[in-house]
Amino acid sequence: MSAQADVAAGLRTQAEWCRKLGSPLYTALLSEAAADVEAGGACWRVLEGQEDEGALA
């Protein structure tokens, strides 16, 4: 899996936990950020190089 895909997957995992915990705002924000990372957008440019930082806390 590429670094970009890893970051997107981490964001989607966080989005899913936000959904489970009842936070629709952060669910939506993190889901959109994951899609943007996959598209190589601004979120990817900010997070690129941070994929080794763990769980994107």
Protein backbone atom coordinates (compact mmCIF):
# COMPACT_ATOMS: atom_id res chain seq x y z
CA MET A 1 0.00 0.00 0.00
CA SER A 2 1.33 3.45 -0.86
CA ALA A 3 1.97 6.14 1.72
CA GLN A 4 -0.91 8.13 0.28
CA ALA A 5 -3.27 5.15 0.64
CA ASP A 6 -2.03 4.55 4.21
CA VAL A 7 -2.80 8.13 5.20
CA ALA A 8 -6.24 7.97 3.59
CA ALA A 9 -6.97 4.69 5.40
CA GLY A 10 -5.92 6.24 8.71
CA LEU A 11 -8.23 9.18 8.17
CA ARG A 12 -11.10 6.83 7.27
CA THR A 13 -10.48 4.83 10.45
CA GLN A 14 -10.63 8.02 12.50
CA ALA A 15 -13.80 9.05 10.66
CA GLU A 16 -15.41 5.70 11.48
CA TRP A 17 -14.60 6.08 15.18
CA CYS A 18 -16.02 9.59 15.16
CA ARG A 19 -19.20 8.19 13.61
CA LYS A 20 -19.40 5.48 16.30
CA LEU A 21 -18.89 8.10 19.00
CA GLY A 22 -21.62 10.35 17.61
CA SER A 23 -19.61 13.16 16.05
CA PRO A 24 -21.07 13.80 12.59
CA LEU A 25 -18.99 16.95 12.03
CA TYR A 26 -15.64 15.19 12.46
CA THR A 27 -16.93 12.14 10.61
CA ALA A 28 -17.63 14.35 7.61
CA LEU A 29 -14.40 16.36 7.89
CA LEU A 30 -12.19 13.28 8.14
CA SER A 31 -14.04 11.49 5.34
CA GLU A 32 -13.57 14.50 3.07
CA ALA A 33 -9.92 14.76 4.07
CA ALA A 34 -9.42 11.08 3.17
CA ALA A 35 -10.97 11.63 -0.25
CA ASP A 36 -8.79 14.70 -0.76
CA VAL A 37 -5.66 12.73 0.18
CA GLU A 38 -6.60 10.05 -2.36
CA ALA A 39 -7.03 12.75 -5.00
CA GLY A 40 -3.63 14.28 -4.19
CA GLY A 41 -5.19 17.50 -2.96
CA ALA A 42 -4.29 20.02 -0.28
CA CYS A 43 -4.75 17.58 2.61
CA TRP A 44 -2.24 15.22 1.02
CA ARG A 45 0.25 18.06 0.55
CA VAL A 46 -0.05 18.89 4.27
CA LEU A 47 0.14 15.28 5.50
CA GLU A 48 2.70 13.95 3.01
CA GLY A 49 5.79 12.82 4.88
CA GLN A 50 3.87 12.34 8.12
CA GLU A 51 2.76 8.77 7.40
CA ASP A 52 5.43 7.36 9.73
CA GLU A 53 4.10 9.38 12.66
CA GLY A 54 1.76 6.59 13.71
CA ALA A 55 -1.98 6.87 14.02
CA LEU A 56 -2.34 10.42 12.69
CA ALA A 57 -3.31 11.55 16.17
